[in-house]
N, C-alpha and C. Protein backbone atom coordinates (compact mmCIF):
# COMPACT_ATOMS: atom_id res chain seq x y z
N VAL A 1 -22.67 30.07 1.90
CA VAL A 1 -22.70 29.00 0.88
C VAL A 1 -21.29 28.74 0.35
N TRP A 2 -20.55 29.82 0.11
CA TRP A 2 -19.20 29.66 -0.42
C TRP A 2 -18.32 28.88 0.55
N MET A 3 -18.45 29.19 1.84
CA MET A 3 -17.66 28.49 2.86
C MET A 3 -17.99 27.00 2.86
N ALA A 4 -19.27 26.68 2.77
CA ALA A 4 -19.69 25.28 2.77
C ALA A 4 -19.07 24.54 1.58
N LYS A 5 -19.06 25.19 0.42
CA LYS A 5 -18.44 24.57 -0.77
C LYS A 5 -16.96 24.34 -0.53
N GLU A 6 -16.31 25.34 0.05
CA GLU A 6 -14.88 25.25 0.34
C GLU A 6 -14.59 24.06 1.25
N ILE A 7 -15.38 23.93 2.31
CA ILE A 7 -15.18 22.84 3.28
C ILE A 7 -15.43 21.49 2.61
N ARG A 8 -16.51 21.42 1.83
CA ARG A 8 -16.83 20.15 1.15
C ARG A 8 -15.68 19.75 0.23
N GLY A 9 -15.12 20.72 -0.48
CA GLY A 9 -13.99 20.45 -1.37
C GLY A 9 -12.80 19.90 -0.60
N LYS A 10 -12.53 20.51 0.55
CA LYS A 10 -11.39 20.06 1.37
C LYS A 10 -11.62 18.64 1.86
N VAL A 11 -12.84 18.36 2.30
CA VAL A 11 -13.16 17.01 2.80
C VAL A 11 -12.97 15.98 1.69
N LEU A 12 -13.48 16.29 0.50
CA LEU A 12 -13.32 15.38 -0.63
C LEU A 12 -11.84 15.15 -0.93
N PHE A 13 -11.06 16.23 -0.88
CA PHE A 13 -9.63 16.14 -1.16
C PHE A 13 -8.95 15.22 -0.15
N ILE A 14 -9.30 15.39 1.14
CA ILE A 14 -8.71 14.55 2.19
C ILE A 14 -9.11 13.09 1.98
N GLU A 15 -10.38 12.86 1.64
CA GLU A 15 -10.84 11.49 1.38
C GLU A 15 -10.05 10.85 0.23
N LEU A 16 -9.83 11.63 -0.83
CA LEU A 16 -9.06 11.13 -1.97
C LEU A 16 -7.65 10.75 -1.54
N ILE A 17 -7.01 11.64 -0.79
CA ILE A 17 -5.64 11.38 -0.33
C ILE A 17 -5.61 10.12 0.51
N ARG A 18 -6.59 10.00 1.43
CA ARG A 18 -6.64 8.82 2.30
C ARG A 18 -6.80 7.56 1.46
N PHE A 19 -7.71 7.61 0.47
CA PHE A 19 -7.94 6.45 -0.40
C PHE A 19 -6.66 6.04 -1.11
N PHE A 20 -5.96 7.04 -1.70
CA PHE A 20 -4.74 6.73 -2.44
C PHE A 20 -3.65 6.19 -1.52
N SER A 21 -3.52 6.78 -0.33
CA SER A 21 -2.47 6.32 0.58
C SER A 21 -2.75 4.89 1.04
N ILE A 22 -4.02 4.55 1.23
CA ILE A 22 -4.37 3.17 1.59
C ILE A 22 -4.01 2.24 0.44
N GLN A 23 -4.34 2.63 -0.79
CA GLN A 23 -4.01 1.82 -1.96
C GLN A 23 -2.50 1.59 -2.04
N ILE A 24 -1.73 2.67 -1.88
CA ILE A 24 -0.27 2.58 -1.98
C ILE A 24 0.28 1.68 -0.88
N CYS A 25 -0.23 1.85 0.34
CA CYS A 25 0.23 1.02 1.47
C CYS A 25 -0.05 -0.45 1.19
N GLU A 26 -1.25 -0.76 0.69
CA GLU A 26 -1.58 -2.15 0.39
C GLU A 26 -0.64 -2.72 -0.64
N LYS A 27 -0.33 -1.94 -1.69
CA LYS A 27 0.59 -2.41 -2.71
C LYS A 27 1.97 -2.67 -2.12
N GLN A 28 2.44 -1.77 -1.26
CA GLN A 28 3.76 -1.93 -0.66
C GLN A 28 3.78 -3.17 0.22
N ILE A 29 2.70 -3.38 0.99
CA ILE A 29 2.64 -4.55 1.86
C ILE A 29 2.65 -5.83 1.02
N HIS A 30 1.85 -5.86 -0.05
CA HIS A 30 1.85 -7.02 -0.94
C HIS A 30 3.24 -7.25 -1.51
N GLY A 31 3.92 -6.17 -1.91
CA GLY A 31 5.26 -6.29 -2.45
C GLY A 31 6.22 -6.87 -1.43
N LEU A 32 6.13 -6.39 -0.19
CA LEU A 32 7.01 -6.88 0.87
C LEU A 32 6.76 -8.36 1.13
N ILE A 33 5.47 -8.74 1.19
CA ILE A 33 5.13 -10.14 1.46
C ILE A 33 5.66 -11.04 0.35
N SER A 34 5.43 -10.65 -0.91
CA SER A 34 5.89 -11.49 -2.02
C SER A 34 7.41 -11.55 -2.04
N LYS A 35 8.08 -10.45 -1.65
CA LYS A 35 9.54 -10.44 -1.60
C LYS A 35 10.02 -11.42 -0.53
N GLU A 36 9.36 -11.40 0.63
CA GLU A 36 9.75 -12.32 1.71
C GLU A 36 9.54 -13.76 1.27
N ILE A 37 8.44 -14.03 0.57
CA ILE A 37 8.18 -15.39 0.08
C ILE A 37 9.27 -15.80 -0.90
N ASP A 38 9.66 -14.88 -1.79
CA ASP A 38 10.75 -15.17 -2.73
C ASP A 38 12.03 -15.50 -1.98
N ASP A 39 12.36 -14.70 -0.96
CA ASP A 39 13.56 -14.95 -0.17
C ASP A 39 13.49 -16.31 0.51
N MET A 40 12.31 -16.65 1.04
CA MET A 40 12.14 -17.95 1.68
C MET A 40 12.35 -19.07 0.67
N ASP A 41 11.81 -18.91 -0.53
CA ASP A 41 11.99 -19.92 -1.58
C ASP A 41 13.47 -20.09 -1.90
N LYS A 42 14.19 -18.97 -2.03
CA LYS A 42 15.62 -19.04 -2.33
C LYS A 42 16.35 -19.77 -1.21
N THR A 43 16.01 -19.43 0.03
CA THR A 43 16.68 -20.06 1.17
C THR A 43 16.41 -21.56 1.19
N SER A 44 15.14 -21.95 0.99
CA SER A 44 14.81 -23.37 1.04
C SER A 44 15.45 -24.12 -0.12
N SER A 45 15.55 -23.49 -1.29
CA SER A 45 16.20 -24.17 -2.41
C SER A 45 17.70 -24.30 -2.15
N LEU A 46 18.29 -23.31 -1.49
CA LEU A 46 19.70 -23.41 -1.11
C LEU A 46 19.89 -24.56 -0.14
N LEU A 47 18.98 -24.68 0.83
CA LEU A 47 19.07 -25.76 1.80
C LEU A 47 18.92 -27.11 1.10
N LEU A 48 18.04 -27.18 0.11
CA LEU A 48 17.85 -28.42 -0.63
C LEU A 48 19.12 -28.78 -1.39
N VAL A 49 19.79 -27.76 -1.95
CA VAL A 49 21.03 -28.01 -2.68
C VAL A 49 22.08 -28.57 -1.73
N ILE A 50 22.16 -28.01 -0.52
CA ILE A 50 23.13 -28.49 0.47
C ILE A 50 22.65 -29.84 0.99
């Protein structure tokens, strides 16, 4: 019984880590995309100025 509890705890821990890493990755991807859009806006506004 103790071993089963130990394993279940480890599985839950791994699931938590996976969940958080997915969340963090999504945030980073969103950040990168919005940064690229900002850069594109700056470039297009520079082109408009020229």
